[in-house]
Amino acid sequence: MSFADDEVAELKLLCPDVCQVAEGGCTFLLLPGLHLPEGCKPAQTDALLCPTARDGYNSRLFFAEKVASKTDRNWNATGVRIAERNWHAYSWKTNASLRLAQMVAAHLRALI
């Protein structure tokens, strides 16, 4: 799967070192050192965006570690193996028609 250049450029404003990772017929976007909303611990971590439908969600944002925030989240995906790493994701529904950067922002809003 390829993504529009302008959408990838928008995503690079959030995470300059974004890169694509293909696995199992799906293309993910690796976001190294993604800055998380204020009050989160850690303040930044690697994240992996799955911009296509998966596990009953329109998109998923996986994190290299569980993130502590003001709001408890239902971490319903733990230790998911993608691209030879373990990832974690919380339950959060997003709109199907969002651009890549909007998807990331929508998932991060759940931590506020």
N, C-alpha and C. Protein backbone atom coordinates (compact mmCIF):
# COMPACT_ATOMS: atom_id res chain seq x y z
N MET A 1 0.85 -1.17 0.00
CA MET A 1 0.00 0.00 0.00
C MET A 1 0.90 1.23 0.00
N SER A 2 0.55 2.20 -0.78
CA SER A 2 1.30 3.46 -0.77
C SER A 2 0.39 4.57 -0.26
N PHE A 3 1.03 5.58 0.28
CA PHE A 3 0.31 6.71 0.86
C PHE A 3 0.63 7.97 0.08
N ALA A 4 -0.32 8.88 0.05
CA ALA A 4 -0.13 10.15 -0.66
C ALA A 4 1.04 10.92 -0.03
N ASP A 5 1.86 11.52 -0.88
CA ASP A 5 3.04 12.26 -0.42
C ASP A 5 2.67 13.36 0.56
N ASP A 6 1.55 14.06 0.31
CA ASP A 6 1.18 15.15 1.21
C ASP A 6 0.77 14.63 2.59
N GLU A 7 0.17 13.43 2.65
CA GLU A 7 -0.20 12.86 3.94
C GLU A 7 1.04 12.43 4.72
N VAL A 8 2.01 11.85 4.03
CA VAL A 8 3.26 11.46 4.69
C VAL A 8 4.00 12.70 5.16
N ALA A 9 3.98 13.77 4.38
CA ALA A 9 4.63 15.03 4.77
C ALA A 9 3.99 15.59 6.05
N GLU A 10 2.67 15.52 6.15
CA GLU A 10 1.98 15.96 7.37
C GLU A 10 2.41 15.12 8.57
N LEU A 11 2.53 13.83 8.34
CA LEU A 11 2.93 12.93 9.42
C LEU A 11 4.36 13.22 9.87
N LYS A 12 5.21 13.62 8.93
CA LYS A 12 6.60 13.95 9.27
C LYS A 12 6.70 15.20 10.13
N LEU A 13 5.66 16.03 10.15
CA LEU A 13 5.65 17.18 11.06
C LEU A 13 5.52 16.70 12.51
N LEU A 14 4.83 15.57 12.71
CA LEU A 14 4.69 14.98 14.04
C LEU A 14 5.90 14.13 14.41
N CYS A 15 6.46 13.48 13.41
CA CYS A 15 7.56 12.55 13.64
C CYS A 15 8.44 12.53 12.39
N PRO A 16 9.52 13.31 12.38
CA PRO A 16 10.34 13.46 11.18
C PRO A 16 10.92 12.17 10.61
N ASP A 17 11.13 11.15 11.45
CA ASP A 17 11.78 9.92 10.99
C ASP A 17 10.80 8.81 10.64
N VAL A 18 9.56 9.17 10.34
CA VAL A 18 8.55 8.17 9.99
C VAL A 18 9.03 7.32 8.82
N CYS A 19 8.72 6.02 8.89
CA CYS A 19 9.05 5.14 7.77
C CYS A 19 7.99 4.05 7.68
N GLN A 20 7.89 3.47 6.50
CA GLN A 20 6.90 2.43 6.26
C GLN A 20 7.48 1.06 6.57
N VAL A 21 6.62 0.19 7.12
CA VAL A 21 6.98 -1.18 7.44
C VAL A 21 5.87 -2.07 6.91
N ALA A 22 6.22 -3.00 6.04
CA ALA A 22 5.23 -3.90 5.47
C ALA A 22 5.34 -5.26 6.15
N GLU A 23 4.19 -5.79 6.55
CA GLU A 23 4.17 -7.11 7.16
C GLU A 23 2.77 -7.70 7.03
N GLY A 24 2.71 -8.96 6.65
CA GLY A 24 1.44 -9.67 6.58
C GLY A 24 0.42 -9.02 5.67
N GLY A 25 0.87 -8.41 4.58
CA GLY A 25 -0.04 -7.78 3.63
C GLY A 25 -0.54 -6.41 4.06
N CYS A 26 0.00 -5.88 5.14
CA CYS A 26 -0.40 -4.57 5.65
C CYS A 26 0.81 -3.65 5.70
N THR A 27 0.60 -2.38 5.41
CA THR A 27 1.67 -1.40 5.53
C THR A 27 1.42 -0.55 6.76
N PHE A 28 2.38 -0.56 7.66
CA PHE A 28 2.35 0.21 8.90
C PHE A 28 3.26 1.41 8.74
N LEU A 29 3.08 2.40 9.60
CA LEU A 29 3.97 3.55 9.63
C LEU A 29 4.63 3.61 10.99
N LEU A 30 5.94 3.43 11.00
CA LEU A 30 6.71 3.48 12.24
C LEU A 30 7.01 4.93 12.58
N LEU A 31 6.70 5.32 13.80
CA LEU A 31 6.88 6.69 14.28
C LEU A 31 7.87 6.67 15.46
N PRO A 32 9.18 6.69 15.15
CA PRO A 32 10.17 6.62 16.23
C PRO A 32 10.16 7.87 17.10
N GLY A 33 10.16 7.67 18.41
CA GLY A 33 10.25 8.79 19.34
C GLY A 33 9.07 9.74 19.29
N LEU A 34 7.87 9.22 19.05
CA LEU A 34 6.68 10.06 18.98
C LEU A 34 6.45 10.78 20.31
N HIS A 35 6.27 12.08 20.26
CA HIS A 35 5.99 12.86 21.47
C HIS A 35 4.54 12.66 21.86
N LEU A 36 4.32 12.38 23.13
CA LEU A 36 2.99 12.10 23.65
C LEU A 36 2.43 13.33 24.35
N PRO A 37 1.12 13.39 24.57
CA PRO A 37 0.52 14.55 25.24
C PRO A 37 1.12 14.79 26.62
N GLU A 38 1.04 16.02 27.05
CA GLU A 38 1.57 16.41 28.36
C GLU A 38 0.96 15.55 29.45
N GLY A 39 1.80 15.14 30.39
CA GLY A 39 1.34 14.32 31.50
C GLY A 39 1.49 12.84 31.28
N CYS A 40 1.87 12.42 30.07
CA CYS A 40 2.06 11.00 29.79
C CYS A 40 3.43 10.55 30.25
N LYS A 41 3.50 9.30 30.66
CA LYS A 41 4.77 8.68 31.00
C LYS A 41 4.86 7.38 30.25
N PRO A 42 5.84 7.24 29.38
CA PRO A 42 6.92 8.17 29.08
C PRO A 42 6.41 9.37 28.27
N ALA A 43 7.24 10.37 28.14
CA ALA A 43 6.87 11.57 27.37
C ALA A 43 6.95 11.32 25.88
N GLN A 44 7.74 10.34 25.48
CA GLN A 44 7.81 9.95 24.08
C GLN A 44 8.17 8.48 24.00
N THR A 45 7.75 7.85 22.92
CA THR A 45 8.02 6.43 22.70
C THR A 45 7.84 6.13 21.22
N ASP A 46 8.35 5.01 20.79
CA ASP A 46 8.10 4.58 19.42
C ASP A 46 6.64 4.15 19.31
N ALA A 47 6.05 4.46 18.17
CA ALA A 47 4.66 4.07 17.91
C ALA A 47 4.57 3.49 16.50
N LEU A 48 3.53 2.75 16.26
CA LEU A 48 3.33 2.10 14.97
C LEU A 48 1.87 2.29 14.58
N LEU A 49 1.65 3.02 13.50
CA LEU A 49 0.29 3.28 13.03
C LEU A 49 -0.13 2.24 12.01
N CYS A 50 -1.26 1.61 12.27
CA CYS A 50 -1.90 0.75 11.28
C CYS A 50 -3.08 1.56 10.75
N PRO A 51 -2.95 2.16 9.55
CA PRO A 51 -3.99 3.06 9.05
C PRO A 51 -5.17 2.36 8.37
N THR A 52 -5.18 1.04 8.42
CA THR A 52 -6.27 0.29 7.80
C THR A 52 -7.01 -0.49 8.88
N ALA A 53 -8.20 -0.96 8.54
CA ALA A 53 -9.03 -1.68 9.50
C ALA A 53 -8.31 -2.92 10.02
N ARG A 54 -8.41 -3.09 11.36
CA ARG A 54 -7.76 -4.22 12.01
C ARG A 54 -8.44 -4.45 13.36
N ASP A 55 -8.68 -5.70 13.70
CA ASP A 55 -9.20 -6.06 15.03
C ASP A 55 -10.51 -5.35 15.37
N GLY A 56 -11.31 -5.01 14.36
CA GLY A 56 -12.58 -4.34 14.62
C GLY A 56 -12.47 -2.83 14.77
N TYR A 57 -11.31 -2.26 14.48
CA TYR A 57 -11.07 -0.82 14.56
C TYR A 57 -10.73 -0.28 13.17
N ASN A 58 -11.08 0.98 12.90
CA ASN A 58 -10.76 1.59 11.61
C ASN A 58 -9.25 1.79 11.45
N SER A 59 -8.57 2.06 12.55
CA SER A 59 -7.12 2.19 12.57
C SER A 59 -6.66 1.84 13.98
N ARG A 60 -5.36 1.54 14.12
CA ARG A 60 -4.80 1.25 15.45
C ARG A 60 -3.49 1.99 15.57
N LEU A 61 -3.22 2.48 16.76
CA LEU A 61 -1.92 3.06 17.05
C LEU A 61 -1.30 2.22 18.16
N PHE A 62 -0.23 1.52 17.80
CA PHE A 62 0.48 0.66 18.74
C PHE A 62 1.64 1.44 19.35
N PHE A 63 1.96 1.12 20.59
CA PHE A 63 3.05 1.77 21.31
C PHE A 63 4.08 0.73 21.73
N ALA A 64 5.34 1.13 21.79
CA ALA A 64 6.40 0.22 22.20
C ALA A 64 6.26 -0.18 23.67
N GLU A 65 5.58 0.67 24.44
CA GLU A 65 5.33 0.38 25.85
C GLU A 65 3.98 0.95 26.24
N LYS A 66 3.40 0.42 27.28
CA LYS A 66 2.13 0.96 27.78
C LYS A 66 2.39 2.36 28.32
N VAL A 67 1.51 3.28 27.99
CA VAL A 67 1.65 4.68 28.38
C VAL A 67 0.72 4.97 29.55
N ALA A 68 1.28 5.58 30.58
CA ALA A 68 0.47 6.02 31.72
C ALA A 68 0.03 7.45 31.45
N SER A 69 -1.25 7.71 31.67
CA SER A 69 -1.79 9.06 31.44
C SER A 69 -2.84 9.36 32.50
N LYS A 70 -3.38 10.57 32.43
CA LYS A 70 -4.41 10.99 33.39
C LYS A 70 -5.65 10.09 33.31
N THR A 71 -5.90 9.58 32.13
CA THR A 71 -7.06 8.75 31.89
C THR A 71 -6.63 7.30 31.70
N ASP A 72 -7.18 6.38 32.48
CA ASP A 72 -6.86 4.98 32.29
C ASP A 72 -7.45 4.50 30.97
N ARG A 73 -6.72 3.69 30.28
CA ARG A 73 -7.15 3.14 29.00
C ARG A 73 -7.24 1.62 29.10
N ASN A 74 -8.07 1.05 28.27
CA ASN A 74 -8.22 -0.40 28.17
C ASN A 74 -7.17 -0.91 27.18
N TRP A 75 -6.03 -1.34 27.69
CA TRP A 75 -4.95 -1.87 26.86
C TRP A 75 -5.32 -3.29 26.44
N ASN A 76 -6.12 -3.40 25.39
CA ASN A 76 -6.65 -4.69 24.98
C ASN A 76 -5.77 -5.43 23.98
N ALA A 77 -4.67 -4.83 23.58
CA ALA A 77 -3.70 -5.49 22.70
C ALA A 77 -2.33 -5.36 23.37
N THR A 78 -1.83 -6.46 23.88
CA THR A 78 -0.57 -6.43 24.61
C THR A 78 0.38 -7.47 24.03
N GLY A 79 1.60 -7.04 23.75
CA GLY A 79 2.59 -7.97 23.22
C GLY A 79 2.31 -8.41 21.79
N VAL A 80 1.65 -7.57 21.01
CA VAL A 80 1.36 -7.90 19.61
C VAL A 80 2.67 -7.82 18.83
N ARG A 81 3.01 -8.89 18.15
CA ARG A 81 4.30 -8.97 17.46
C ARG A 81 4.14 -8.46 16.02
N ILE A 82 4.78 -7.32 15.73
CA ILE A 82 4.79 -6.74 14.38
C ILE A 82 6.21 -6.24 14.12
N ALA A 83 6.75 -6.56 12.97
CA ALA A 83 8.08 -6.11 12.56
C ALA A 83 9.13 -6.46 13.62
N GLU A 84 9.01 -7.67 14.13
CA GLU A 84 9.96 -8.23 15.08
C GLU A 84 10.07 -7.45 16.39
N ARG A 85 8.98 -6.78 16.76
CA ARG A 85 8.91 -6.06 18.04
C ARG A 85 7.56 -6.33 18.67
N ASN A 86 7.49 -6.18 19.98
CA ASN A 86 6.22 -6.30 20.71
C ASN A 86 5.61 -4.92 20.85
N TRP A 87 4.28 -4.83 20.62
CA TRP A 87 3.56 -3.57 20.66
C TRP A 87 2.33 -3.69 21.53
N HIS A 88 1.85 -2.55 22.00
CA HIS A 88 0.65 -2.48 22.85
C HIS A 88 -0.29 -1.42 22.28
N ALA A 89 -1.60 -1.67 22.40
CA ALA A 89 -2.59 -0.70 21.94
C ALA A 89 -3.79 -0.72 22.87
N TYR A 90 -4.41 0.44 23.01
CA TYR A 90 -5.62 0.52 23.82
C TYR A 90 -6.83 0.60 22.89
N SER A 91 -7.97 0.30 23.46
CA SER A 91 -9.22 0.33 22.71
C SER A 91 -9.62 1.78 22.47
N TRP A 92 -9.69 2.17 21.20
CA TRP A 92 -10.07 3.53 20.84
C TRP A 92 -10.54 3.55 19.40
N LYS A 93 -11.76 3.96 19.19
CA LYS A 93 -12.34 4.01 17.84
C LYS A 93 -12.09 5.38 17.21
N THR A 94 -11.78 5.38 15.92
CA THR A 94 -11.58 6.61 15.16
C THR A 94 -12.45 6.58 13.92
N ASN A 95 -12.57 7.73 13.29
CA ASN A 95 -13.30 7.87 12.04
C ASN A 95 -12.50 7.22 10.91
N ALA A 96 -13.16 6.56 10.00
CA ALA A 96 -12.48 5.85 8.91
C ALA A 96 -11.91 6.78 7.84
N SER A 97 -12.38 8.02 7.77
CA SER A 97 -11.98 8.89 6.66
C SER A 97 -10.88 9.89 7.03
N LEU A 98 -10.15 9.65 8.10
CA LEU A 98 -9.11 10.59 8.54
C LEU A 98 -7.83 10.45 7.71
N ARG A 99 -7.10 11.55 7.63
CA ARG A 99 -5.77 11.52 7.02
C ARG A 99 -4.81 10.91 8.05
N LEU A 100 -3.63 10.52 7.62
CA LEU A 100 -2.70 9.82 8.51
C LEU A 100 -2.40 10.60 9.79
N ALA A 101 -2.03 11.88 9.68
CA ALA A 101 -1.71 12.69 10.86
C ALA A 101 -2.94 12.86 11.75
N GLN A 102 -4.12 12.94 11.14
CA GLN A 102 -5.35 13.05 11.92
C GLN A 102 -5.62 11.76 12.70
N MET A 103 -5.28 10.62 12.10
CA MET A 103 -5.44 9.34 12.81
C MET A 103 -4.59 9.32 14.06
N VAL A 104 -3.31 9.71 13.91
CA VAL A 104 -2.41 9.72 15.07
C VAL A 104 -2.95 10.66 16.13
N ALA A 105 -3.35 11.86 15.71
CA ALA A 105 -3.87 12.85 16.66
C ALA A 105 -5.12 12.32 17.37
N ALA A 106 -6.00 11.66 16.64
CA ALA A 106 -7.22 11.11 17.24
C ALA A 106 -6.89 10.06 18.30
N HIS A 107 -5.91 9.20 18.01
CA HIS A 107 -5.52 8.20 19.00
C HIS A 107 -4.86 8.84 20.21
N LEU A 108 -4.04 9.85 19.99
CA LEU A 108 -3.35 10.52 21.10
C LEU A 108 -4.31 11.29 22.00
N ARG A 109 -5.42 11.77 21.43
CA ARG A 109 -6.42 12.49 22.24
C ARG A 109 -6.97 11.61 23.36
N ALA A 110 -6.94 10.31 23.15
CA ALA A 110 -7.44 9.40 24.18
C ALA A 110 -6.58 9.43 25.44
N LEU A 111 -5.37 9.96 25.34
CA LEU A 111 -4.47 10.01 26.49
C LEU A 111 -4.59 11.30 27.29
N ILE A 112 -5.41 12.22 26.80
CA ILE A 112 -5.55 13.52 27.47
C ILE A 112 -6.58 13.43 28.58
